[in-house]
Amino acid sequence: MNQNQNKIQNPETQVPKTPQMNDRDFINDILATEKYMTTSYCTALHEFSHDALYRDILGIFNETENTQRELYNLMFKKGWYGIEAAEQQKLQQSYQQFSGYKSQFPVH
């Protein structure tokens, strides 16, 4: 299958092509920052022993994660973020591979 046929993307909203940052550049920069922050908060959450601090940071993490998702949705809507559609055969192979792992874990 042609790679362009696998691309899922909306029509691109045009922005000025100048040395100055445009809307796409700003949103992309913020999205990258939000992704970094959610990863960092997630790591911190795994290591907190203080319950109140954990709950406070968990709330901030959730807000940051929601903001990241909204930015992703905005970029996708404007055609600035595309994704590749997975082929059905590859999805089935991954499903079978990871389904096999279930037998390695104890039943809870």
Protein backbone atom coordinates (compact mmCIF):
# COMPACT_ATOMS: atom_id res chain seq x y z
CA MET A 1 0.00 0.00 0.00
CA ASN A 2 1.26 3.47 -0.85
CA GLN A 3 2.50 5.43 2.18
CA ASN A 4 0.26 8.42 1.28
CA GLN A 5 -2.76 6.11 1.40
CA ASN A 6 -1.84 5.24 4.99
CA LYS A 7 -1.69 8.90 6.03
CA ILE A 8 -4.57 10.22 8.10
CA GLN A 9 -4.54 14.00 8.06
CA ASN A 10 -6.91 16.92 7.62
CA PRO A 11 -6.28 19.61 4.99
CA GLU A 12 -3.45 21.81 6.23
CA THR A 13 -4.27 25.30 7.47
CA GLN A 14 -1.69 27.54 5.82
CA VAL A 15 0.57 29.74 7.93
CA PRO A 16 3.16 32.31 6.84
CA LYS A 17 6.52 30.78 5.90
CA THR A 18 8.80 33.37 7.51
CA PRO A 19 11.74 33.27 9.94
CA GLN A 20 9.35 34.37 12.71
CA MET A 21 7.40 31.75 14.60
CA ASN A 22 3.85 31.30 13.32
CA ASP A 23 0.78 29.77 15.00
CA ARG A 24 1.81 26.26 14.00
CA ASP A 25 5.29 26.76 15.46
CA PHE A 26 3.93 28.12 18.74
CA ILE A 27 1.37 25.35 19.17
CA ASN A 28 3.92 22.68 18.22
CA ASP A 29 6.38 24.10 20.78
CA ILE A 30 3.72 24.12 23.50
CA LEU A 31 2.65 20.58 22.60
CA ALA A 32 6.25 19.35 22.88
CA THR A 33 6.55 21.06 26.26
CA GLU A 34 3.28 19.52 27.50
CA LYS A 35 4.45 16.06 26.41
CA TYR A 36 7.73 16.55 28.29
CA MET A 37 5.88 17.77 31.37
CA THR A 38 3.44 14.83 31.43
CA THR A 39 6.34 12.39 31.17
CA SER A 40 8.17 14.16 34.00
CA TYR A 41 5.06 14.31 36.22
CA CYS A 42 4.45 10.62 35.59
CA THR A 43 7.97 9.77 36.73
CA ALA A 44 7.57 11.94 39.83
CA LEU A 45 4.21 10.35 40.67
CA HIS A 46 5.83 6.92 40.72
CA GLU A 47 8.28 8.10 43.36
CA PHE A 48 6.16 10.18 45.78
CA SER A 49 5.71 8.78 49.26
CA HIS A 50 3.77 11.77 50.64
CA ASP A 51 0.05 11.24 49.92
CA ALA A 52 -1.02 14.91 49.87
CA LEU A 53 1.83 15.87 47.54
CA TYR A 54 1.01 12.88 45.35
CA ARG A 55 -2.64 13.99 45.04
CA ASP A 56 -1.63 17.60 44.28
CA ILE A 57 0.79 16.57 41.54
CA LEU A 58 -1.71 14.01 40.20
CA GLY A 59 -4.21 16.86 39.71
CA ILE A 60 -1.58 18.93 37.89
CA PHE A 61 -0.61 15.88 35.82
CA ASN A 62 -4.24 15.36 34.76
CA GLU A 63 -4.61 19.02 33.77
CA THR A 64 -1.37 18.87 31.80
CA GLU A 65 -2.41 15.63 30.09
CA ASN A 66 -5.77 17.16 29.12
CA THR A 67 -4.03 20.27 27.75
CA GLN A 68 -1.66 18.08 25.74
CA ARG A 69 -4.64 16.22 24.25
CA GLU A 70 -6.43 19.46 23.36
CA LEU A 71 -3.31 20.78 21.62
CA TYR A 72 -2.91 17.51 19.71
CA ASN A 73 -6.57 17.68 18.63
CA LEU A 74 -6.14 21.29 17.50
CA MET A 75 -3.04 20.48 15.46
CA PHE A 76 -4.74 17.44 13.93
CA LYS A 77 -7.84 19.51 13.08
CA LYS A 78 -5.69 22.14 11.35
CA GLY A 79 -3.80 19.48 9.38
CA TRP A 80 -0.54 20.16 11.19
CA TYR A 81 -0.35 16.70 12.74
CA GLY A 82 -0.86 13.54 10.74
CA ILE A 83 -0.75 9.90 11.68
CA GLU A 84 -0.13 6.70 9.79
CA ALA A 85 -2.95 4.17 9.56
CA ALA A 86 -1.83 0.74 10.66
CA GLU A 87 -2.40 -2.16 8.30
CA GLN A 88 -4.92 -4.72 9.58
CA GLN A 89 -2.36 -7.53 9.34
CA LYS A 90 0.13 -5.63 11.53
CA LEU A 91 -2.58 -4.88 14.08
CA GLN A 92 -3.52 -8.56 14.22
CA GLN A 93 0.14 -9.59 14.62
CA SER A 94 0.63 -7.14 17.50
CA TYR A 95 -2.59 -8.27 19.15
CA GLN A 96 -1.53 -11.91 18.97
CA GLN A 97 1.96 -11.11 20.25
CA PHE A 98 0.76 -9.19 23.28
CA SER A 99 -2.14 -11.55 23.97
CA GLY A 100 0.46 -14.28 24.41
CA TYR A 101 2.09 -12.26 27.19
CA LYS A 102 -1.05 -12.52 29.33
CA SER A 103 -0.18 -16.10 30.21
CA GLN A 104 3.12 -14.93 31.74
CA PHE A 105 1.43 -12.80 34.41
CA PRO A 106 -0.16 -14.12 37.57
CA VAL A 107 -3.95 -13.91 37.74
CA HIS A 108 -5.18 -11.36 40.30
